[in-house]
Amino acid sequence: MREKTIEKKLADAVKSRGGLAPKFTSPGFDGMPDRIVLLPGGRMAFVEVKAPGKAPRPLQEARHRLLRQLGFKVYVLDDEDQIGGILDEICTP
């Protein structure tokens, strides 16, 4: 399965829960996650989407650490079967 396919399934799953998953671009600050997941109740997280079995690049890992240090949830998604669990975790206080 391609990364693009997994990313589309994520966006659809978020939408079905009443949320948004806009593509995240950050000009001049490379390595940021692909999507911001915004769910009802003010729940949000960043999601890096990868092709199955692929890992984030070192710069992406550094950005993930930075975001986590700031208190944000960051997930790496490389299998569509992970989507429900990730969204459940985002919704958990």
C-alpha atoms as a PDB file:
ATOM      1  CA  MET A   1       0.000   0.000   0.000  1.00  0.00           C
ATOM      2  CA  ARG A   2       1.263   3.448  -0.844  1.00  0.00           C
ATOM      3  CA  GLU A   3       1.724   6.299   1.615  1.00  0.00           C
ATOM      4  CA  LYS A   4      -0.833   8.374  -0.259  1.00  0.00           C
ATOM      5  CA  THR A   5      -3.466   5.644   0.178  1.00  0.00           C
ATOM      6  CA  ILE A   6      -2.864   5.425   3.933  1.00  0.00           C
ATOM      7  CA  GLU A   7      -2.996   9.218   4.199  1.00  0.00           C
ATOM      8  CA  LYS A   8      -6.383   9.289   2.428  1.00  0.00           C
ATOM      9  CA  LYS A   9      -7.758   6.576   4.736  1.00  0.00           C
ATOM     10  CA  LEU A  10      -6.605   8.628   7.746  1.00  0.00           C
ATOM     11  CA  ALA A  11      -8.323  11.771   6.452  1.00  0.00           C
ATOM     12  CA  ASP A  12     -11.532   9.825   5.784  1.00  0.00           C
ATOM     13  CA  ALA A  13     -11.496   8.229   9.256  1.00  0.00           C
ATOM     14  CA  VAL A  14     -10.968  11.596  10.928  1.00  0.00           C
ATOM     15  CA  LYS A  15     -13.806  13.100   8.886  1.00  0.00           C
ATOM     16  CA  SER A  16     -16.110  10.231   9.897  1.00  0.00           C
ATOM     17  CA  ARG A  17     -15.463  11.167  13.540  1.00  0.00           C
ATOM     18  CA  GLY A  18     -16.446  14.772  12.877  1.00  0.00           C
ATOM     19  CA  GLY A  19     -12.917  16.109  12.618  1.00  0.00           C
ATOM     20  CA  LEU A  20     -10.430  17.512  10.158  1.00  0.00           C
ATOM     21  CA  ALA A  21      -7.021  16.272   9.030  1.00  0.00           C
ATOM     22  CA  PRO A  22      -5.529  19.055   6.921  1.00  0.00           C
ATOM     23  CA  LYS A  23      -2.234  18.551   5.164  1.00  0.00           C
ATOM     24  CA  PHE A  24       0.401  20.390   7.174  1.00  0.00           C
ATOM     25  CA  THR A  25       3.061  22.406   5.387  1.00  0.00           C
ATOM     26  CA  SER A  26       5.617  24.534   7.135  1.00  0.00           C
ATOM     27  CA  PRO A  27       7.718  26.532   4.674  1.00  0.00           C
ATOM     28  CA  GLY A  28      11.218  27.084   6.011  1.00  0.00           C
ATOM     29  CA  PHE A  29      10.832  24.428   8.725  1.00  0.00           C
ATOM     30  CA  ASP A  30      11.331  21.041   7.072  1.00  0.00           C
ATOM     31  CA  GLY A  31      10.608  17.709   8.684  1.00  0.00           C
ATOM     32  CA  MET A  32       7.237  18.515  10.210  1.00  0.00           C
ATOM     33  CA  PRO A  33       4.563  15.770  10.225  1.00  0.00           C
ATOM     34  CA  ASP A  34       2.262  15.364   7.218  1.00  0.00           C
ATOM     35  CA  ARG A  35      -1.099  15.953   8.902  1.00  0.00           C
ATOM     36  CA  ILE A  36      -2.621  17.793  11.826  1.00  0.00           C
ATOM     37  CA  VAL A  37      -5.542  15.798  13.220  1.00  0.00           C
ATOM     38  CA  LEU A  38      -8.237  17.977  14.781  1.00  0.00           C
ATOM     39  CA  LEU A  39     -11.046  16.144  16.548  1.00  0.00           C
ATOM     40  CA  PRO A  40     -14.125  17.335  18.448  1.00  0.00           C
ATOM     41  CA  GLY A  41     -13.524  18.448  22.008  1.00  0.00           C
ATOM     42  CA  GLY A  42     -10.323  20.311  21.159  1.00  0.00           C
ATOM     43  CA  ARG A  43      -8.294  17.143  20.617  1.00  0.00           C
ATOM     44  CA  MET A  44      -5.344  17.455  18.274  1.00  0.00           C
ATOM     45  CA  ALA A  45      -2.199  15.615  17.264  1.00  0.00           C
ATOM     46  CA  PHE A  46       0.344  15.432  14.485  1.00  0.00           C
ATOM     47  CA  VAL A  47       0.582  12.368  12.238  1.00  0.00           C
ATOM     48  CA  GLU A  48       3.545  11.427  10.057  1.00  0.00           C
ATOM     49  CA  VAL A  49       2.358   9.070   7.318  1.00  0.00           C
ATOM     50  CA  LYS A  50       4.860   6.611   5.873  1.00  0.00           C
ATOM     51  CA  ALA A  51       4.689   3.773   3.389  1.00  0.00           C
ATOM     52  CA  PRO A  52       4.458   0.357   5.086  1.00  0.00           C
ATOM     53  CA  GLY A  53       7.702  -0.512   6.847  1.00  0.00           C
ATOM     54  CA  LYS A  54       9.310   2.875   6.211  1.00  0.00           C
ATOM     55  CA  ALA A  55      10.707   4.927   9.081  1.00  0.00           C
ATOM     56  CA  PRO A  56      10.872   8.704   9.514  1.00  0.00           C
ATOM     57  CA  ARG A  57      14.047  10.426   8.361  1.00  0.00           C
ATOM     58  CA  PRO A  58      16.401  11.772  11.063  1.00  0.00           C
ATOM     59  CA  LEU A  59      15.153  15.348  10.587  1.00  0.00           C
ATOM     60  CA  GLN A  60      11.556  14.146  10.938  1.00  0.00           C
ATOM     61  CA  GLU A  61      12.470  12.291  14.146  1.00  0.00           C
ATOM     62  CA  ALA A  62      14.040  15.494  15.476  1.00  0.00           C
ATOM     63  CA  ARG A  63      10.857  17.464  14.731  1.00  0.00           C
ATOM     64  CA  HIS A  64       8.748  14.758  16.389  1.00  0.00           C
ATOM     65  CA  ARG A  65      10.918  14.991  19.532  1.00  0.00           C
ATOM     66  CA  LEU A  66      10.571  18.780  19.541  1.00  0.00           C
ATOM     67  CA  LEU A  67       6.784  18.606  19.246  1.00  0.00           C
ATOM     68  CA  ARG A  68       6.574  15.965  21.988  1.00  0.00           C
ATOM     69  CA  GLN A  69       8.771  18.117  24.253  1.00  0.00           C
ATOM     70  CA  LEU A  70       6.226  20.894  23.719  1.00  0.00           C
ATOM     71  CA  GLY A  71       3.493  18.540  24.909  1.00  0.00           C
ATOM     72  CA  PHE A  72       1.928  17.517  21.591  1.00  0.00           C
ATOM     73  CA  LYS A  73       1.027  13.979  20.582  1.00  0.00           C
ATOM     74  CA  VAL A  74       2.904  12.791  17.486  1.00  0.00           C
ATOM     75  CA  TYR A  75       2.243   9.506  15.715  1.00  0.00           C
ATOM     76  CA  VAL A  76       3.927   7.652  12.875  1.00  0.00           C
ATOM     77  CA  LEU A  77       1.367   5.809  10.755  1.00  0.00           C
ATOM     78  CA  ASP A  78       2.520   3.148   8.275  1.00  0.00           C
ATOM     79  CA  ASP A  79      -0.437   0.735   8.302  1.00  0.00           C
ATOM     80  CA  GLU A  80      -4.116   1.523   7.845  1.00  0.00           C
ATOM     81  CA  ASP A  81      -4.926  -0.873  10.706  1.00  0.00           C
ATOM     82  CA  GLN A  82      -3.284   1.620  13.108  1.00  0.00           C
ATOM     83  CA  ILE A  83      -5.721   4.427  12.294  1.00  0.00           C
ATOM     84  CA  GLY A  84      -8.520   3.521  14.725  1.00  0.00           C
ATOM     85  CA  GLY A  85      -6.121   3.075  17.633  1.00  0.00           C
ATOM     86  CA  ILE A  86      -4.363   6.360  16.919  1.00  0.00           C
ATOM     87  CA  LEU A  87      -7.653   8.251  16.756  1.00  0.00           C
ATOM     88  CA  ASP A  88      -8.874   6.593  19.959  1.00  0.00           C
ATOM     89  CA  GLU A  89      -5.663   7.638  21.702  1.00  0.00           C
ATOM     90  CA  ILE A  90      -5.947  11.212  20.459  1.00  0.00           C
ATOM     91  CA  CYS A  91      -9.466  11.349  21.932  1.00  0.00           C
ATOM     92  CA  THR A  92      -8.240  10.072  25.321  1.00  0.00           C
ATOM     93  CA  PRO A  93      -7.441  12.900  27.769  1.00  0.00           C
END
